[in-house]
Amino acid sequence: MLSSQTSSIFTVSRLNQTVRLLLEQEMGQVWISGEISNFTQPASGHWYFTLKDDTAQVRCAMFRNSNRRVTFRPQHGQQVLVRANITLYEPRGDYQVIAESMQPAGEGLLQQKYEQLKAKLQAEGLFDQQHKQPLPSPAHCVGVITSKTGAALHDILHVLKRRDPSLPVIIYPTAVQGDDAPGQIVRAIELANARGECDVLIVGRGGGSLEDLWSFNDERVARRFLPAAFRWSAPSVTKRTSR
């Protein structure tokens, strides 16, 4: 005998459709970290794989128009960070992850932190055009904040000498990598700004991985680059050199 709440009875199709809409509307886009397994790429060019951790797993798909932007070939057992939409495949009632981007887990987590900091500073209006300072032309003195033993200093001095052999250059040595680097970079910027000796300040280092360069994405350092957040006496230029 049916209860009076017949309006609550779902067909299978309606149930799956309702759950799909709830997943897509309520979850939105999410970041997921996990280990790749069961990776396949059929003739369609789409990728199908499972993301798992120690206690759970979920099926994922990454369609060709998205996976063509991935710069590496995923491998079984590889730890990755995936940005994805959550949905449900109605014909089978299977919930799945539709990946939009994929990065190796280490760099991926750092990239996510970078994007979050960028969005935070942007929301504060610190990237607004009105805060940007023009570079002086010509510059009368250039300050360089970098490692005194790194390749970047040699490259920067070489370029400056080639452009203008008589241009005065003041070096503010600092660590550019490691736990102490962000604090040292901030202090060097503040010292250069307090002295007011230069009308352009270059903050740079040699090339490296995202992890190697991460000191320059520290929030304390980022805020010192922004005229709206820190009273500047000179515009700054950031530079990464490579050989």
Foldseek 3Di string as FASTA:
>chain_A
DDDPVPVPDDDLLRVQVVVQVCQQVVVPKDKDKFFWDPWDQDPQRKIWTWGDDDPDIFIEIEHNVQCVPAPDDHDGGFIKMFIWGWGADSVVRGIHTYTRHMDRHVVVVLVVVLVVLVVVCVVVVLPPPVQADDADVVWQEEEEEEAPPAPVVVVVVVVVCVVPVPRHYHYQYAYQFDPCGLVRLLVSLVVCQVVLPTQEYEYEHEDDDCNRRCSCSPSSNVLSQGCVNPPGSHHYHYDYHYD
